Amino acid sequence: MPYIERSADGKIIGLRTVLGPNSTEEKSLNDEEILEFLKDNLDNKFLKSLLAHSDAGLIRLLEDLIDLLTKKNIILFTELPEKAQAKIIEREQIREKISSHNIIVDDIL
């Protein structure tokens, strides 16, 4: 989550990745005020990059949700389309390889 830098009149004038003397307020990237600031101040390429970063988190959330639903026997993994099963298995295998090398997966994704 970014740290907000504000002008004297309270408007966002900058976003920082680290806490600083002029940026102490932390907000979610999904906050309306931040999205408005980004829309007004950044180019489309950066916004697409921001969306892609958000997509990675959403994908992980969906994987965890599918895992939870299958563990509770609410859905069967085999009920998912074959392509979806293959992608989930592929990502699980990659995550296992990463974790076996003592790399924290959430730091990457």
C-alpha atoms as a PDB file:
ATOM      1  CA  MET A   1       0.000   0.000   0.000  1.00  0.00           C
ATOM      2  CA  PRO A   2       1.370   3.409  -0.894  1.00  0.00           C
ATOM      3  CA  TYR A   3       2.066   6.293   1.429  1.00  0.00           C
ATOM      4  CA  ILE A   4       0.317   9.523   0.535  1.00  0.00           C
ATOM      5  CA  GLU A   5       1.963  12.910   0.218  1.00  0.00           C
ATOM      6  CA  ARG A   6      -0.484  15.819   0.433  1.00  0.00           C
ATOM      7  CA  SER A   7      -0.350  19.509  -0.388  1.00  0.00           C
ATOM      8  CA  ALA A   8      -1.182  22.175   2.183  1.00  0.00           C
ATOM      9  CA  ASP A   9      -4.789  22.141   0.982  1.00  0.00           C
ATOM     10  CA  GLY A  10      -5.060  18.360   1.508  1.00  0.00           C
ATOM     11  CA  LYS A  11      -4.854  17.172  -2.096  1.00  0.00           C
ATOM     12  CA  ILE A  12      -2.712  14.182  -3.012  1.00  0.00           C
ATOM     13  CA  ILE A  13       0.462  15.348  -4.733  1.00  0.00           C
ATOM     14  CA  GLY A  14       2.461  12.145  -4.596  1.00  0.00           C
ATOM     15  CA  LEU A  15       2.573   8.466  -3.739  1.00  0.00           C
ATOM     16  CA  ARG A  16       5.551   6.817  -2.095  1.00  0.00           C
ATOM     17  CA  THR A  17       6.484   3.193  -1.488  1.00  0.00           C
ATOM     18  CA  VAL A  18       8.141   4.002   1.833  1.00  0.00           C
ATOM     19  CA  LEU A  19       7.163   6.034   4.848  1.00  0.00           C
ATOM     20  CA  GLY A  20       8.642   9.530   4.769  1.00  0.00           C
ATOM     21  CA  PRO A  21       8.405  12.864   6.558  1.00  0.00           C
ATOM     22  CA  ASN A  22       5.878  14.181   4.028  1.00  0.00           C
ATOM     23  CA  SER A  23       4.175  10.867   3.345  1.00  0.00           C
ATOM     24  CA  THR A  24       2.865   9.260   6.509  1.00  0.00           C
ATOM     25  CA  GLU A  25      -0.705   8.377   5.506  1.00  0.00           C
ATOM     26  CA  GLU A  26      -1.132   4.895   4.055  1.00  0.00           C
ATOM     27  CA  LYS A  27      -4.033   3.955   1.749  1.00  0.00           C
ATOM     28  CA  SER A  28      -5.056   1.054  -0.451  1.00  0.00           C
ATOM     29  CA  LEU A  29      -4.406   1.305  -4.179  1.00  0.00           C
ATOM     30  CA  ASN A  30      -8.137   0.755  -4.599  1.00  0.00           C
ATOM     31  CA  ASP A  31      -9.016   3.901  -2.655  1.00  0.00           C
ATOM     32  CA  GLU A  32     -11.180   6.315  -4.702  1.00  0.00           C
ATOM     33  CA  GLU A  33      -8.926   9.279  -3.956  1.00  0.00           C
ATOM     34  CA  ILE A  34      -5.804   7.418  -5.079  1.00  0.00           C
ATOM     35  CA  LEU A  35      -7.477   6.128  -8.239  1.00  0.00           C
ATOM     36  CA  GLU A  36      -8.568   9.671  -9.097  1.00  0.00           C
ATOM     37  CA  PHE A  37      -5.018  10.965  -8.520  1.00  0.00           C
ATOM     38  CA  LEU A  38      -3.588   8.224 -10.754  1.00  0.00           C
ATOM     39  CA  LYS A  39      -6.142   8.894 -13.476  1.00  0.00           C
ATOM     40  CA  ASP A  40      -5.318  12.607 -13.492  1.00  0.00           C
ATOM     41  CA  ASN A  41      -1.534  12.301 -13.223  1.00  0.00           C
ATOM     42  CA  LEU A  42      -0.306   9.113 -14.817  1.00  0.00           C
ATOM     43  CA  ASP A  43      -0.202   7.707 -18.293  1.00  0.00           C
ATOM     44  CA  ASN A  44      -2.134   4.702 -19.516  1.00  0.00           C
ATOM     45  CA  LYS A  45       0.945   2.448 -19.570  1.00  0.00           C
ATOM     46  CA  PHE A  46       1.513   2.892 -15.838  1.00  0.00           C
ATOM     47  CA  LEU A  47      -2.175   2.336 -15.069  1.00  0.00           C
ATOM     48  CA  LYS A  48      -2.101  -0.909 -17.070  1.00  0.00           C
ATOM     49  CA  SER A  49       0.950  -1.981 -15.085  1.00  0.00           C
ATOM     50  CA  LEU A  50      -0.874  -1.169 -11.857  1.00  0.00           C
ATOM     51  CA  LEU A  51      -3.839  -3.237 -13.021  1.00  0.00           C
ATOM     52  CA  ALA A  52      -1.584  -6.169 -13.893  1.00  0.00           C
ATOM     53  CA  HIS A  53      -0.045  -6.018 -10.413  1.00  0.00           C
ATOM     54  CA  SER A  54      -3.532  -6.044  -8.919  1.00  0.00           C
ATOM     55  CA  ASP A  55      -4.455  -9.016 -11.131  1.00  0.00           C
ATOM     56  CA  ALA A  56      -1.621 -11.071  -9.642  1.00  0.00           C
ATOM     57  CA  GLY A  57      -3.080 -10.621  -6.166  1.00  0.00           C
ATOM     58  CA  LEU A  58      -6.562 -11.466  -7.394  1.00  0.00           C
ATOM     59  CA  ILE A  59      -5.295 -14.636  -9.062  1.00  0.00           C
ATOM     60  CA  ARG A  60      -3.730 -15.760  -5.801  1.00  0.00           C
ATOM     61  CA  LEU A  61      -6.981 -15.001  -3.984  1.00  0.00           C
ATOM     62  CA  LEU A  62      -8.940 -17.108  -6.483  1.00  0.00           C
ATOM     63  CA  GLU A  63      -6.487 -19.992  -6.112  1.00  0.00           C
ATOM     64  CA  ASP A  64      -6.894 -19.885  -2.343  1.00  0.00           C
ATOM     65  CA  LEU A  65     -10.684 -19.720  -2.700  1.00  0.00           C
ATOM     66  CA  ILE A  66     -10.735 -22.746  -5.015  1.00  0.00           C
ATOM     67  CA  ASP A  67      -8.490 -24.609  -2.587  1.00  0.00           C
ATOM     68  CA  LEU A  68     -10.795 -23.788   0.328  1.00  0.00           C
ATOM     69  CA  LEU A  69     -13.935 -24.812  -1.573  1.00  0.00           C
ATOM     70  CA  THR A  70     -12.395 -28.124  -2.601  1.00  0.00           C
ATOM     71  CA  LYS A  71     -11.100 -28.874   0.909  1.00  0.00           C
ATOM     72  CA  LYS A  72     -14.600 -28.280   2.288  1.00  0.00           C
ATOM     73  CA  ASN A  73     -16.027 -30.510  -0.467  1.00  0.00           C
ATOM     74  CA  ILE A  74     -18.229 -27.698  -1.722  1.00  0.00           C
ATOM     75  CA  ILE A  75     -16.856 -28.248  -5.222  1.00  0.00           C
ATOM     76  CA  LEU A  76     -14.754 -31.009  -6.688  1.00  0.00           C
ATOM     77  CA  PHE A  77     -11.502 -30.024  -8.361  1.00  0.00           C
ATOM     78  CA  THR A  78     -12.475 -32.266 -11.267  1.00  0.00           C
ATOM     79  CA  GLU A  79     -15.621 -30.183 -11.818  1.00  0.00           C
ATOM     80  CA  LEU A  80     -13.463 -27.311 -13.027  1.00  0.00           C
ATOM     81  CA  PRO A  81     -12.711 -27.115 -16.755  1.00  0.00           C
ATOM     82  CA  GLU A  82      -9.637 -29.134 -17.735  1.00  0.00           C
ATOM     83  CA  LYS A  83      -7.703 -26.016 -18.772  1.00  0.00           C
ATOM     84  CA  ALA A  84      -8.420 -24.410 -15.387  1.00  0.00           C
ATOM     85  CA  GLN A  85      -7.253 -27.563 -13.594  1.00  0.00           C
ATOM     86  CA  ALA A  86      -4.047 -27.604 -15.631  1.00  0.00           C
ATOM     87  CA  LYS A  87      -3.273 -23.947 -14.890  1.00  0.00           C
ATOM     88  CA  ILE A  88      -3.921 -24.389 -11.167  1.00  0.00           C
ATOM     89  CA  ILE A  89      -1.717 -27.480 -11.015  1.00  0.00           C
ATOM     90  CA  GLU A  90       1.023 -25.696 -12.969  1.00  0.00           C
ATOM     91  CA  ARG A  91       0.977 -22.749 -10.555  1.00  0.00           C
ATOM     92  CA  GLU A  92       0.994 -25.086  -7.538  1.00  0.00           C
ATOM     93  CA  GLN A  93       4.061 -26.864  -8.914  1.00  0.00           C
ATOM     94  CA  ILE A  94       5.866 -23.579  -9.504  1.00  0.00           C
ATOM     95  CA  ARG A  95       4.976 -22.412  -5.999  1.00  0.00           C
ATOM     96  CA  GLU A  96       6.290 -25.698  -4.540  1.00  0.00           C
ATOM     97  CA  LYS A  97       9.591 -25.283  -6.404  1.00  0.00           C
ATOM     98  CA  ILE A  98       9.952 -21.725  -5.184  1.00  0.00           C
ATOM     99  CA  SER A  99       9.162 -22.644  -1.581  1.00  0.00           C
ATOM    100  CA  SER A 100      11.646 -25.538  -1.676  1.00  0.00           C
ATOM    101  CA  HIS A 101      14.347 -22.932  -2.353  1.00  0.00           C
ATOM    102  CA  ASN A 102      13.313 -20.918   0.722  1.00  0.00           C
ATOM    103  CA  ILE A 103      11.888 -18.091  -1.319  1.00  0.00           C
ATOM    104  CA  ILE A 104       8.747 -16.459   0.014  1.00  0.00           C
ATOM    105  CA  VAL A 105       6.150 -16.757  -2.749  1.00  0.00           C
ATOM    106  CA  ASP A 106       4.076 -13.794  -1.573  1.00  0.00           C
ATOM    107  CA  ASP A 107       7.133 -11.539  -1.956  1.00  0.00           C
ATOM    108  CA  ILE A 108       7.265 -12.479  -5.626  1.00  0.00           C
ATOM    109  CA  LEU A 109       3.539 -12.389  -6.343  1.00  0.00           C
END
